[in-house]
Amino acid sequence: MRLALPLVLAASASAAFGQAVHGTADYLSRMDADRDGRVSLVEYQDWMGYAFARMDRNGDGQLEPAELPGGRGKPVNLAEHRARLAATFRRQDTDRDGYLGAAELAAPPQ
């Protein structure tokens, strides 16, 4: 569940913004808040964190089992979630420049 949570949250973020995401370029354009053509760690965490906030129905900064997909699993707090996202980001940042480009976003984490 912990490994799949970022993917579930990404899908939730896409739905939350009201439009389906079609392809890597679309993800890049939506995640790239400063429009520099690449995604920083903070942009990545903020995009993925939006879904966390929507799922956190009681607003306590923690996803309880009832708030998780399927209604079960271990609780996850926002700091843990952002740390896992940072680890995923680092694995995807194959050129180690601190940003994700379209090709890195399209590739599965290493």
C-alpha atoms as a PDB file:
ATOM      1  CA  MET A   1       0.000   0.000   0.000  1.00  0.00           C
ATOM      2  CA  ARG A   2       2.756   2.466   0.873  1.00  0.00           C
ATOM      3  CA  LEU A   3       4.403   2.087  -2.532  1.00  0.00           C
ATOM      4  CA  ALA A   4       1.125   2.497  -4.398  1.00  0.00           C
ATOM      5  CA  LEU A   5      -0.067   5.505  -2.393  1.00  0.00           C
ATOM      6  CA  PRO A   6       1.807   8.122  -4.481  1.00  0.00           C
ATOM      7  CA  LEU A   7       0.221   6.708  -7.648  1.00  0.00           C
ATOM      8  CA  VAL A   8      -3.238   6.723  -6.096  1.00  0.00           C
ATOM      9  CA  LEU A   9      -2.704  10.272  -4.909  1.00  0.00           C
ATOM     10  CA  ALA A  10      -1.473  11.353  -8.343  1.00  0.00           C
ATOM     11  CA  ALA A  11      -4.595   9.977  -9.957  1.00  0.00           C
ATOM     12  CA  SER A  12      -6.695  11.691  -7.307  1.00  0.00           C
ATOM     13  CA  ALA A  13      -4.898  14.980  -7.934  1.00  0.00           C
ATOM     14  CA  SER A  14      -5.627  14.734 -11.642  1.00  0.00           C
ATOM     15  CA  ALA A  15      -9.289  14.084 -10.988  1.00  0.00           C
ATOM     16  CA  ALA A  16      -9.402  16.830  -8.394  1.00  0.00           C
ATOM     17  CA  PHE A  17      -8.261  19.402 -10.911  1.00  0.00           C
ATOM     18  CA  GLY A  18     -11.258  18.393 -12.998  1.00  0.00           C
ATOM     19  CA  GLN A  19      -9.477  17.239 -16.122  1.00  0.00           C
ATOM     20  CA  ALA A  20      -7.950  13.986 -17.190  1.00  0.00           C
ATOM     21  CA  VAL A  21      -4.210  13.979 -17.730  1.00  0.00           C
ATOM     22  CA  HIS A  22      -3.187  12.742 -21.162  1.00  0.00           C
ATOM     23  CA  GLY A  23       0.458  11.765 -21.331  1.00  0.00           C
ATOM     24  CA  THR A  24       3.676  12.854 -19.739  1.00  0.00           C
ATOM     25  CA  ALA A  25       3.750  16.313 -21.311  1.00  0.00           C
ATOM     26  CA  ASP A  26       0.378  17.017 -19.731  1.00  0.00           C
ATOM     27  CA  TYR A  27       1.650  15.934 -16.294  1.00  0.00           C
ATOM     28  CA  LEU A  28       4.736  18.084 -16.762  1.00  0.00           C
ATOM     29  CA  SER A  29       2.723  21.161 -17.714  1.00  0.00           C
ATOM     30  CA  ARG A  30       0.387  20.773 -14.752  1.00  0.00           C
ATOM     31  CA  MET A  31       3.083  20.043 -12.180  1.00  0.00           C
ATOM     32  CA  ASP A  32       5.436  22.772 -13.447  1.00  0.00           C
ATOM     33  CA  ALA A  33       4.089  25.686 -11.386  1.00  0.00           C
ATOM     34  CA  ASP A  34       6.839  28.132 -12.402  1.00  0.00           C
ATOM     35  CA  ARG A  35       6.638  27.130 -16.096  1.00  0.00           C
ATOM     36  CA  ASP A  36      10.364  26.535 -16.502  1.00  0.00           C
ATOM     37  CA  GLY A  37       9.861  23.247 -18.375  1.00  0.00           C
ATOM     38  CA  ARG A  38      10.889  20.999 -15.513  1.00  0.00           C
ATOM     39  CA  VAL A  39       9.490  19.850 -12.176  1.00  0.00           C
ATOM     40  CA  SER A  40      11.298  20.621  -8.921  1.00  0.00           C
ATOM     41  CA  LEU A  41      10.963  18.528  -5.778  1.00  0.00           C
ATOM     42  CA  VAL A  42       8.648  21.104  -4.185  1.00  0.00           C
ATOM     43  CA  GLU A  43       6.448  21.240  -7.301  1.00  0.00           C
ATOM     44  CA  TYR A  44       6.290  17.433  -7.317  1.00  0.00           C
ATOM     45  CA  GLN A  45       5.426  17.272  -3.612  1.00  0.00           C
ATOM     46  CA  ASP A  46       2.858  20.054  -3.895  1.00  0.00           C
ATOM     47  CA  TRP A  47       1.113  18.370  -6.823  1.00  0.00           C
ATOM     48  CA  MET A  48       0.995  15.027  -5.049  1.00  0.00           C
ATOM     49  CA  GLY A  49       0.137  16.694  -1.728  1.00  0.00           C
ATOM     50  CA  TYR A  50      -3.037  18.193  -3.157  1.00  0.00           C
ATOM     51  CA  ALA A  51      -4.610  14.733  -3.287  1.00  0.00           C
ATOM     52  CA  PHE A  52      -3.423  14.027   0.261  1.00  0.00           C
ATOM     53  CA  ALA A  53      -5.263  17.142   1.464  1.00  0.00           C
ATOM     54  CA  ARG A  54      -8.452  16.111  -0.344  1.00  0.00           C
ATOM     55  CA  MET A  55      -8.306  12.620   1.143  1.00  0.00           C
ATOM     56  CA  ASP A  56      -7.652  14.008   4.645  1.00  0.00           C
ATOM     57  CA  ARG A  57     -11.349  14.616   5.307  1.00  0.00           C
ATOM     58  CA  ASN A  58     -10.915  15.628   8.951  1.00  0.00           C
ATOM     59  CA  GLY A  59      -7.966  17.937   8.165  1.00  0.00           C
ATOM     60  CA  ASP A  60      -5.671  16.540  10.844  1.00  0.00           C
ATOM     61  CA  GLY A  61      -2.638  16.063   8.574  1.00  0.00           C
ATOM     62  CA  GLN A  62      -2.901  12.299   8.762  1.00  0.00           C
ATOM     63  CA  LEU A  63      -4.662   9.800   6.555  1.00  0.00           C
ATOM     64  CA  GLU A  64      -6.420   7.336   8.823  1.00  0.00           C
ATOM     65  CA  PRO A  65      -7.378   3.902   7.477  1.00  0.00           C
ATOM     66  CA  ALA A  66     -10.925   5.093   6.751  1.00  0.00           C
ATOM     67  CA  GLU A  67      -9.506   7.901   4.574  1.00  0.00           C
ATOM     68  CA  LEU A  68      -7.237   5.588   2.564  1.00  0.00           C
ATOM     69  CA  PRO A  69      -8.293   3.879  -0.666  1.00  0.00           C
ATOM     70  CA  GLY A  70     -10.095   0.691   0.264  1.00  0.00           C
ATOM     71  CA  GLY A  71     -10.669   1.967   3.798  1.00  0.00           C
ATOM     72  CA  ARG A  72      -7.713   0.170   5.303  1.00  0.00           C
ATOM     73  CA  GLY A  73      -3.987   0.388   5.777  1.00  0.00           C
ATOM     74  CA  LYS A  74      -1.572   2.024   8.174  1.00  0.00           C
ATOM     75  CA  PRO A  75      -2.071   5.723   8.935  1.00  0.00           C
ATOM     76  CA  VAL A  76       0.118   8.081   6.889  1.00  0.00           C
ATOM     77  CA  ASN A  77       0.974  11.618   7.998  1.00  0.00           C
ATOM     78  CA  LEU A  78       1.817  14.438   5.608  1.00  0.00           C
ATOM     79  CA  ALA A  79       5.507  14.566   6.586  1.00  0.00           C
ATOM     80  CA  GLU A  80       5.887  10.834   5.895  1.00  0.00           C
ATOM     81  CA  HIS A  81       4.041  11.243   2.613  1.00  0.00           C
ATOM     82  CA  ARG A  82       6.288  14.113   1.501  1.00  0.00           C
ATOM     83  CA  ALA A  83       9.392  12.112   2.520  1.00  0.00           C
ATOM     84  CA  ARG A  84       8.246   9.148   0.401  1.00  0.00           C
ATOM     85  CA  LEU A  85       7.551  11.514  -2.482  1.00  0.00           C
ATOM     86  CA  ALA A  86      11.070  12.928  -2.117  1.00  0.00           C
ATOM     87  CA  ALA A  87      12.516   9.409  -2.283  1.00  0.00           C
ATOM     88  CA  THR A  88      10.455   8.651  -5.405  1.00  0.00           C
ATOM     89  CA  PHE A  89      11.539  11.970  -6.921  1.00  0.00           C
ATOM     90  CA  ARG A  90      15.211  11.172  -6.286  1.00  0.00           C
ATOM     91  CA  ARG A  91      14.842   7.759  -7.961  1.00  0.00           C
ATOM     92  CA  GLN A  92      13.181   9.363 -10.994  1.00  0.00           C
ATOM     93  CA  ASP A  93      15.792  12.122 -11.233  1.00  0.00           C
ATOM     94  CA  THR A  94      18.182   9.924 -13.188  1.00  0.00           C
ATOM     95  CA  ASP A  95      20.472  12.768 -14.275  1.00  0.00           C
ATOM     96  CA  ARG A  96      20.641  14.009 -10.654  1.00  0.00           C
ATOM     97  CA  ASP A  97      20.047  17.648 -11.595  1.00  0.00           C
ATOM     98  CA  GLY A  98      17.337  18.177  -8.958  1.00  0.00           C
ATOM     99  CA  TYR A  99      14.522  18.399 -11.508  1.00  0.00           C
ATOM    100  CA  LEU A 100      12.319  16.040 -13.478  1.00  0.00           C
ATOM    101  CA  GLY A 101      11.913  16.539 -17.192  1.00  0.00           C
ATOM    102  CA  ALA A 102       9.323  14.857 -19.399  1.00  0.00           C
ATOM    103  CA  ALA A 103      11.449  11.760 -20.000  1.00  0.00           C
ATOM    104  CA  GLU A 104      12.125  11.293 -16.291  1.00  0.00           C
ATOM    105  CA  LEU A 105       8.433  11.726 -15.449  1.00  0.00           C
ATOM    106  CA  ALA A 106       7.539   9.098 -18.055  1.00  0.00           C
ATOM    107  CA  ALA A 107      10.029   6.535 -16.741  1.00  0.00           C
ATOM    108  CA  PRO A 108       9.197   4.330 -13.753  1.00  0.00           C
ATOM    109  CA  PRO A 109      11.228   5.132 -10.632  1.00  0.00           C
ATOM    110  CA  GLN A 110      14.547   3.276 -10.479  1.00  0.00           C
END
